[in-house]
N, C-alpha and C. Protein backbone atom coordinates (compact mmCIF):
# COMPACT_ATOMS: atom_id res chain seq x y z
N MET A 1 -7.39 -2.24 -14.57
CA MET A 1 -6.13 -2.52 -13.89
C MET A 1 -6.42 -3.16 -12.54
N SER A 2 -5.72 -4.23 -12.26
CA SER A 2 -5.92 -4.94 -11.00
C SER A 2 -5.31 -4.16 -9.84
N PRO A 3 -5.94 -4.20 -8.68
CA PRO A 3 -5.36 -3.55 -7.51
C PRO A 3 -4.18 -4.33 -6.92
N ILE A 4 -3.85 -5.47 -7.51
CA ILE A 4 -2.71 -6.26 -7.05
C ILE A 4 -1.72 -6.39 -8.20
N GLU A 5 -0.50 -5.88 -7.99
CA GLU A 5 0.53 -5.93 -9.01
C GLU A 5 1.65 -6.86 -8.54
N VAL A 6 1.98 -7.83 -9.38
CA VAL A 6 3.10 -8.74 -9.10
C VAL A 6 4.24 -8.35 -10.04
N ASP A 7 5.32 -7.84 -9.47
CA ASP A 7 6.47 -7.40 -10.25
C ASP A 7 7.62 -8.39 -10.06
N SER A 8 7.90 -9.14 -11.13
CA SER A 8 8.99 -10.12 -11.07
C SER A 8 10.19 -9.67 -11.91
N SER A 9 10.28 -8.38 -12.20
CA SER A 9 11.35 -7.87 -13.05
C SER A 9 12.73 -7.94 -12.39
N ARG A 10 12.77 -8.18 -11.08
CA ARG A 10 14.06 -8.24 -10.37
C ARG A 10 14.29 -9.63 -9.75
N LEU A 11 13.72 -10.67 -10.35
CA LEU A 11 13.91 -12.02 -9.83
C LEU A 11 15.37 -12.25 -9.47
N PRO A 12 15.61 -12.89 -8.36
CA PRO A 12 14.72 -13.64 -7.47
C PRO A 12 14.01 -12.79 -6.42
N LEU A 13 14.04 -11.45 -6.56
CA LEU A 13 13.26 -10.57 -5.70
C LEU A 13 11.93 -10.31 -6.40
N VAL A 14 10.84 -10.59 -5.70
CA VAL A 14 9.50 -10.37 -6.23
C VAL A 14 8.83 -9.32 -5.35
N VAL A 15 8.21 -8.33 -6.00
CA VAL A 15 7.50 -7.29 -5.26
C VAL A 15 6.02 -7.36 -5.61
N VAL A 16 5.20 -7.46 -4.58
CA VAL A 16 3.74 -7.49 -4.77
C VAL A 16 3.19 -6.23 -4.11
N ARG A 17 2.42 -5.45 -4.89
CA ARG A 17 1.82 -4.23 -4.36
C ARG A 17 0.30 -4.36 -4.36
N PHE A 18 -0.28 -4.07 -3.21
CA PHE A 18 -1.73 -4.05 -3.06
C PHE A 18 -2.19 -2.60 -3.01
N ARG A 19 -3.10 -2.22 -3.92
CA ARG A 19 -3.64 -0.86 -3.93
C ARG A 19 -5.16 -0.96 -3.99
N GLY A 20 -5.79 -0.66 -2.87
CA GLY A 20 -7.24 -0.75 -2.82
C GLY A 20 -7.71 -2.17 -2.57
N ALA A 21 -9.01 -2.34 -2.70
CA ALA A 21 -9.63 -3.65 -2.46
C ALA A 21 -9.70 -4.44 -3.77
N ALA A 22 -9.49 -5.73 -3.68
CA ALA A 22 -9.56 -6.63 -4.84
C ALA A 22 -10.85 -7.43 -4.76
N THR A 23 -11.37 -7.77 -5.92
CA THR A 23 -12.49 -8.71 -5.97
C THR A 23 -11.93 -10.10 -5.70
N ASP A 24 -12.81 -11.05 -5.43
CA ASP A 24 -12.35 -12.43 -5.24
C ASP A 24 -11.67 -12.94 -6.50
N ALA A 25 -12.18 -12.57 -7.68
CA ALA A 25 -11.58 -13.00 -8.94
C ALA A 25 -10.18 -12.42 -9.09
N GLN A 26 -10.01 -11.14 -8.77
CA GLN A 26 -8.68 -10.52 -8.85
C GLN A 26 -7.73 -11.15 -7.85
N PHE A 27 -8.22 -11.46 -6.67
CA PHE A 27 -7.38 -12.11 -5.67
C PHE A 27 -6.97 -13.50 -6.15
N GLY A 28 -7.90 -14.21 -6.77
CA GLY A 28 -7.59 -15.52 -7.35
C GLY A 28 -6.54 -15.42 -8.44
N GLU A 29 -6.61 -14.37 -9.27
CA GLU A 29 -5.60 -14.15 -10.32
C GLU A 29 -4.22 -13.91 -9.70
N TYR A 30 -4.19 -13.15 -8.61
CA TYR A 30 -2.93 -12.91 -7.90
C TYR A 30 -2.35 -14.24 -7.40
N LEU A 31 -3.19 -15.06 -6.78
CA LEU A 31 -2.70 -16.35 -6.27
C LEU A 31 -2.21 -17.24 -7.40
N ALA A 32 -2.90 -17.22 -8.54
CA ALA A 32 -2.47 -18.01 -9.70
C ALA A 32 -1.13 -17.51 -10.22
N ALA A 33 -0.95 -16.18 -10.26
CA ALA A 33 0.33 -15.62 -10.71
C ALA A 33 1.46 -16.03 -9.77
N MET A 34 1.18 -16.01 -8.47
CA MET A 34 2.20 -16.42 -7.50
C MET A 34 2.51 -17.91 -7.63
N SER A 35 1.50 -18.71 -7.91
CA SER A 35 1.72 -20.15 -8.11
C SER A 35 2.65 -20.38 -9.29
N ALA A 36 2.38 -19.72 -10.40
CA ALA A 36 3.20 -19.88 -11.59
C ALA A 36 4.62 -19.41 -11.34
N LEU A 37 4.75 -18.27 -10.70
CA LEU A 37 6.07 -17.72 -10.42
C LEU A 37 6.85 -18.62 -9.48
N ARG A 38 6.22 -19.04 -8.40
CA ARG A 38 6.90 -19.87 -7.40
C ARG A 38 7.32 -21.22 -7.98
N SER A 39 6.50 -21.79 -8.84
CA SER A 39 6.82 -23.13 -9.34
C SER A 39 7.84 -23.11 -10.48
N SER A 40 8.14 -21.93 -11.03
CA SER A 40 9.06 -21.90 -12.17
C SER A 40 10.37 -21.15 -11.94
N HIS A 41 10.56 -20.54 -10.77
CA HIS A 41 11.74 -19.69 -10.61
C HIS A 41 12.64 -20.04 -9.43
N GLY A 42 12.42 -21.13 -8.75
CA GLY A 42 13.34 -21.52 -7.68
C GLY A 42 13.31 -20.58 -6.50
N LYS A 43 14.47 -20.37 -5.89
CA LYS A 43 14.57 -19.55 -4.68
C LYS A 43 14.15 -18.11 -4.95
N THR A 44 13.28 -17.60 -4.08
CA THR A 44 12.83 -16.21 -4.19
C THR A 44 12.59 -15.63 -2.80
N VAL A 45 12.59 -14.32 -2.75
CA VAL A 45 12.15 -13.59 -1.58
C VAL A 45 11.10 -12.60 -2.07
N VAL A 46 10.06 -12.40 -1.27
CA VAL A 46 8.94 -11.55 -1.68
C VAL A 46 8.84 -10.35 -0.74
N VAL A 47 8.66 -9.18 -1.34
CA VAL A 47 8.29 -7.98 -0.59
C VAL A 47 6.83 -7.73 -0.91
N LEU A 48 6.00 -7.79 0.10
CA LEU A 48 4.57 -7.59 -0.08
C LEU A 48 4.21 -6.21 0.50
N ASP A 49 3.95 -5.26 -0.39
CA ASP A 49 3.71 -3.87 -0.02
C ASP A 49 2.20 -3.64 0.13
N ALA A 50 1.76 -3.53 1.38
CA ALA A 50 0.34 -3.36 1.67
C ALA A 50 0.02 -1.97 2.21
N ARG A 51 0.87 -0.98 1.93
CA ARG A 51 0.63 0.36 2.44
C ARG A 51 -0.66 0.96 1.93
N GLU A 52 -1.06 0.58 0.71
CA GLU A 52 -2.27 1.14 0.12
C GLU A 52 -3.37 0.08 -0.02
N ALA A 53 -3.23 -1.01 0.69
CA ALA A 53 -4.20 -2.12 0.59
C ALA A 53 -5.56 -1.70 1.13
N GLY A 54 -6.59 -2.23 0.49
CA GLY A 54 -7.94 -2.04 0.99
C GLY A 54 -8.29 -3.18 1.92
N ASP A 55 -9.55 -3.26 2.25
CA ASP A 55 -10.01 -4.34 3.13
C ASP A 55 -9.84 -5.69 2.44
N THR A 56 -9.52 -6.69 3.24
CA THR A 56 -9.41 -8.06 2.75
C THR A 56 -10.51 -8.87 3.41
N PRO A 57 -11.54 -9.22 2.64
CA PRO A 57 -12.65 -9.99 3.23
C PRO A 57 -12.21 -11.36 3.72
N ALA A 58 -13.01 -11.93 4.60
CA ALA A 58 -12.71 -13.25 5.17
C ALA A 58 -12.51 -14.30 4.07
N ARG A 59 -13.27 -14.22 2.97
CA ARG A 59 -13.11 -15.18 1.86
C ARG A 59 -11.68 -15.15 1.32
N GLN A 60 -11.15 -13.94 1.17
CA GLN A 60 -9.80 -13.83 0.61
C GLN A 60 -8.74 -14.24 1.62
N ARG A 61 -8.97 -13.98 2.88
CA ARG A 61 -8.03 -14.47 3.90
C ARG A 61 -8.00 -16.00 3.87
N LYS A 62 -9.17 -16.61 3.71
CA LYS A 62 -9.25 -18.07 3.62
C LYS A 62 -8.56 -18.57 2.35
N MET A 63 -8.78 -17.87 1.23
CA MET A 63 -8.12 -18.24 -0.03
C MET A 63 -6.60 -18.22 0.14
N GLN A 64 -6.09 -17.17 0.81
CA GLN A 64 -4.64 -17.05 1.03
C GLN A 64 -4.13 -18.18 1.91
N ALA A 65 -4.84 -18.47 2.98
CA ALA A 65 -4.42 -19.56 3.88
C ALA A 65 -4.43 -20.89 3.16
N GLU A 66 -5.45 -21.14 2.35
CA GLU A 66 -5.51 -22.40 1.59
C GLU A 66 -4.37 -22.47 0.58
N TRP A 67 -4.04 -21.33 -0.04
CA TRP A 67 -2.93 -21.30 -0.99
C TRP A 67 -1.62 -21.64 -0.28
N LEU A 68 -1.41 -21.06 0.90
CA LEU A 68 -0.20 -21.36 1.67
C LEU A 68 -0.13 -22.85 1.99
N ASP A 69 -1.24 -23.43 2.40
CA ASP A 69 -1.26 -24.86 2.72
C ASP A 69 -0.97 -25.71 1.48
N ALA A 70 -1.59 -25.36 0.35
CA ALA A 70 -1.42 -26.13 -0.88
C ALA A 70 0.00 -26.05 -1.43
N HIS A 71 0.70 -24.96 -1.14
CA HIS A 71 2.05 -24.76 -1.68
C HIS A 71 3.14 -24.89 -0.62
N ARG A 72 2.79 -25.44 0.53
CA ARG A 72 3.71 -25.50 1.66
C ARG A 72 5.04 -26.16 1.30
N THR A 73 5.03 -27.30 0.64
CA THR A 73 6.27 -28.01 0.31
C THR A 73 7.16 -27.15 -0.59
N LEU A 74 6.56 -26.54 -1.60
CA LEU A 74 7.30 -25.67 -2.51
C LEU A 74 7.87 -24.46 -1.77
N LEU A 75 7.07 -23.85 -0.92
CA LEU A 75 7.52 -22.69 -0.16
C LEU A 75 8.63 -23.05 0.83
N GLU A 76 8.49 -24.19 1.46
CA GLU A 76 9.53 -24.63 2.40
C GLU A 76 10.86 -24.83 1.68
N ARG A 77 10.80 -25.27 0.44
CA ARG A 77 12.01 -25.52 -0.34
C ARG A 77 12.60 -24.22 -0.91
N ASP A 78 11.74 -23.33 -1.41
CA ASP A 78 12.23 -22.20 -2.21
C ASP A 78 12.08 -20.81 -1.61
N SER A 79 11.27 -20.65 -0.56
CA SER A 79 11.08 -19.30 -0.02
C SER A 79 12.24 -18.89 0.87
N LEU A 80 12.83 -17.76 0.55
CA LEU A 80 13.89 -17.20 1.37
C LEU A 80 13.34 -16.15 2.33
N GLY A 81 12.04 -16.00 2.33
CA GLY A 81 11.39 -15.09 3.26
C GLY A 81 10.41 -14.15 2.58
N THR A 82 9.59 -13.53 3.41
CA THR A 82 8.62 -12.56 2.94
C THR A 82 8.70 -11.34 3.85
N ALA A 83 8.87 -10.18 3.22
CA ALA A 83 8.89 -8.91 3.94
C ALA A 83 7.57 -8.21 3.68
N PHE A 84 6.84 -7.92 4.74
CA PHE A 84 5.56 -7.22 4.62
C PHE A 84 5.76 -5.75 4.96
N VAL A 85 5.23 -4.88 4.12
CA VAL A 85 5.23 -3.44 4.41
C VAL A 85 3.81 -3.08 4.79
N ILE A 86 3.60 -2.85 6.06
CA ILE A 86 2.25 -2.60 6.59
C ILE A 86 2.31 -1.42 7.54
N THR A 87 1.46 -0.44 7.28
CA THR A 87 1.43 0.75 8.13
C THR A 87 0.12 0.89 8.90
N ARG A 88 -0.89 0.12 8.53
CA ARG A 88 -2.19 0.21 9.19
C ARG A 88 -2.42 -0.98 10.11
N GLY A 89 -2.93 -0.69 11.30
CA GLY A 89 -3.21 -1.74 12.27
C GLY A 89 -4.18 -2.78 11.76
N LEU A 90 -5.21 -2.36 11.01
CA LEU A 90 -6.19 -3.30 10.48
C LEU A 90 -5.53 -4.33 9.56
N ILE A 91 -4.62 -3.88 8.71
CA ILE A 91 -3.94 -4.79 7.79
C ILE A 91 -3.01 -5.72 8.57
N ARG A 92 -2.37 -5.23 9.61
CA ARG A 92 -1.55 -6.11 10.46
C ARG A 92 -2.43 -7.20 11.08
N GLY A 93 -3.65 -6.83 11.45
CA GLY A 93 -4.60 -7.81 12.00
C GLY A 93 -4.97 -8.86 10.97
N VAL A 94 -5.15 -8.44 9.72
CA VAL A 94 -5.45 -9.38 8.64
C VAL A 94 -4.30 -10.36 8.48
N LEU A 95 -3.07 -9.85 8.47
CA LEU A 95 -1.90 -10.73 8.35
C LEU A 95 -1.86 -11.72 9.51
N THR A 96 -2.10 -11.24 10.71
CA THR A 96 -2.11 -12.13 11.88
C THR A 96 -3.14 -13.23 11.71
N ALA A 97 -4.32 -12.88 11.19
CA ALA A 97 -5.38 -13.88 10.99
C ALA A 97 -4.96 -14.93 9.96
N ILE A 98 -4.37 -14.47 8.87
CA ILE A 98 -3.93 -15.42 7.83
C ILE A 98 -2.84 -16.34 8.37
N LEU A 99 -1.87 -15.77 9.06
CA LEU A 99 -0.76 -16.58 9.57
C LEU A 99 -1.18 -17.47 10.73
N TRP A 100 -2.25 -17.10 11.41
CA TRP A 100 -2.80 -17.97 12.44
C TRP A 100 -3.41 -19.21 11.78
N MET A 101 -4.09 -19.01 10.64
CA MET A 101 -4.70 -20.14 9.93
C MET A 101 -3.65 -21.00 9.26
N SER A 102 -2.60 -20.37 8.75
CA SER A 102 -1.57 -21.11 8.01
C SER A 102 -0.25 -20.34 8.07
N PRO A 103 0.65 -20.72 8.98
CA PRO A 103 1.94 -20.03 9.08
C PRO A 103 2.70 -20.05 7.75
N ILE A 104 3.45 -19.01 7.51
CA ILE A 104 4.16 -18.87 6.24
C ILE A 104 5.55 -19.51 6.33
N PRO A 105 5.87 -20.40 5.40
CA PRO A 105 7.22 -20.98 5.37
C PRO A 105 8.25 -19.94 4.93
N GLY A 106 9.46 -20.12 5.35
CA GLY A 106 10.54 -19.25 4.91
C GLY A 106 10.76 -18.05 5.80
N GLY A 107 9.93 -17.87 6.77
CA GLY A 107 10.07 -16.73 7.67
C GLY A 107 9.54 -15.45 7.10
N HIS A 108 9.24 -14.53 7.99
CA HIS A 108 8.73 -13.23 7.55
C HIS A 108 9.08 -12.15 8.56
N ARG A 109 9.04 -10.93 8.09
CA ARG A 109 9.21 -9.76 8.95
C ARG A 109 8.23 -8.71 8.48
N VAL A 110 7.80 -7.86 9.38
CA VAL A 110 6.89 -6.76 9.05
C VAL A 110 7.65 -5.46 9.24
N PHE A 111 7.55 -4.58 8.25
CA PHE A 111 8.26 -3.31 8.26
C PHE A 111 7.29 -2.15 8.05
N ALA A 112 7.68 -0.97 8.51
CA ALA A 112 6.86 0.23 8.35
C ALA A 112 7.18 0.95 7.04
N THR A 113 8.38 0.70 6.47
CA THR A 113 8.73 1.37 5.21
C THR A 113 9.15 0.35 4.16
N TYR A 114 8.93 0.74 2.90
CA TYR A 114 9.33 -0.13 1.80
C TYR A 114 10.85 -0.29 1.79
N GLU A 115 11.57 0.77 2.05
CA GLU A 115 13.04 0.72 2.00
C GLU A 115 13.60 -0.30 2.99
N GLU A 116 13.05 -0.33 4.19
CA GLU A 116 13.50 -1.32 5.18
C GLU A 116 13.20 -2.74 4.71
N ALA A 117 12.02 -2.91 4.15
CA ALA A 117 11.62 -4.24 3.67
C ALA A 117 12.51 -4.72 2.54
N GLU A 118 12.78 -3.83 1.59
CA GLU A 118 13.64 -4.22 0.46
C GLU A 118 15.06 -4.52 0.93
N ARG A 119 15.56 -3.72 1.85
CA ARG A 119 16.91 -3.96 2.38
C ARG A 119 16.98 -5.34 3.02
N TRP A 120 15.98 -5.72 3.83
CA TRP A 120 15.94 -7.03 4.46
C TRP A 120 15.86 -8.12 3.40
N ALA A 121 15.02 -7.91 2.37
CA ALA A 121 14.85 -8.91 1.32
C ALA A 121 16.17 -9.14 0.57
N VAL A 122 16.86 -8.07 0.24
CA VAL A 122 18.15 -8.19 -0.45
C VAL A 122 19.16 -8.90 0.45
N ASP A 123 19.15 -8.61 1.74
CA ASP A 123 20.04 -9.31 2.67
C ASP A 123 19.74 -10.81 2.69
N GLN A 124 18.45 -11.18 2.63
CA GLN A 124 18.06 -12.59 2.60
C GLN A 124 18.62 -13.25 1.34
N LEU A 125 18.50 -12.57 0.21
CA LEU A 125 19.04 -13.11 -1.05
C LEU A 125 20.55 -13.29 -0.96
N ARG A 126 21.21 -12.26 -0.50
CA ARG A 126 22.68 -12.31 -0.44
C ARG A 126 23.16 -13.40 0.51
N ALA A 127 22.44 -13.62 1.61
CA ALA A 127 22.80 -14.70 2.54
C ALA A 127 22.72 -16.06 1.86
N ALA A 128 21.88 -16.15 0.82
CA ALA A 128 21.75 -17.40 0.06
C ALA A 128 22.63 -17.41 -1.19
N GLY A 129 23.49 -16.39 -1.33
CA GLY A 129 24.39 -16.32 -2.47
C GLY A 129 23.73 -15.81 -3.74
N LEU A 130 22.62 -15.09 -3.60
CA LEU A 130 21.90 -14.57 -4.77
C LEU A 130 21.87 -13.06 -4.74
N GLU A 131 21.60 -12.47 -5.90
CA GLU A 131 21.46 -11.02 -6.04
C GLU A 131 20.14 -10.73 -6.74
N PRO A 132 19.50 -9.60 -6.37
CA PRO A 132 18.29 -9.24 -7.10
C PRO A 132 18.65 -8.87 -8.54
N GLY A 133 17.75 -9.15 -9.46
CA GLY A 133 17.97 -8.78 -10.85
C GLY A 133 17.82 -7.27 -11.01
N SER A 134 18.17 -6.81 -12.19
CA SER A 134 18.04 -5.38 -12.49
C SER A 134 16.64 -5.09 -12.99
N ARG A 135 16.18 -3.90 -12.70
CA ARG A 135 14.89 -3.47 -13.24
C ARG A 135 15.02 -3.37 -14.75
N SER A 136 13.92 -3.69 -15.43
CA SER A 136 13.90 -3.54 -16.88
C SER A 136 13.90 -2.04 -17.20
N PRO A 137 14.57 -1.65 -18.32
CA PRO A 137 14.60 -0.22 -18.66
C PRO A 137 13.24 0.32 -18.99
């Protein structure tokens, strides 16, 4: 099981959960999944839950920054924002490093709880005239 879960069951709300440390291959799979999702589903908002995230090596921070740069036009068109759930200072530092290398289109906010992040994400969708989908049974 990958330590990175991409849940698109509530499109246009996407939830990404990081649990533990990922290998470079697993991180690459996550980026590929996000590429496929972003290019096929139009407007989305992402909640990125990093409460249980492990260390993110410099290679993966660089991979993320390069992904942001490569998908900038698509993100500028379709991203309604990204809500980060981060409770550890080290992970906030990682986010700062990634966004310093490549700012994220669509805006972002950092929250201490998942509930706050989801509430903000749903508000972003509703401001664009969209609603999150229902969870699959």
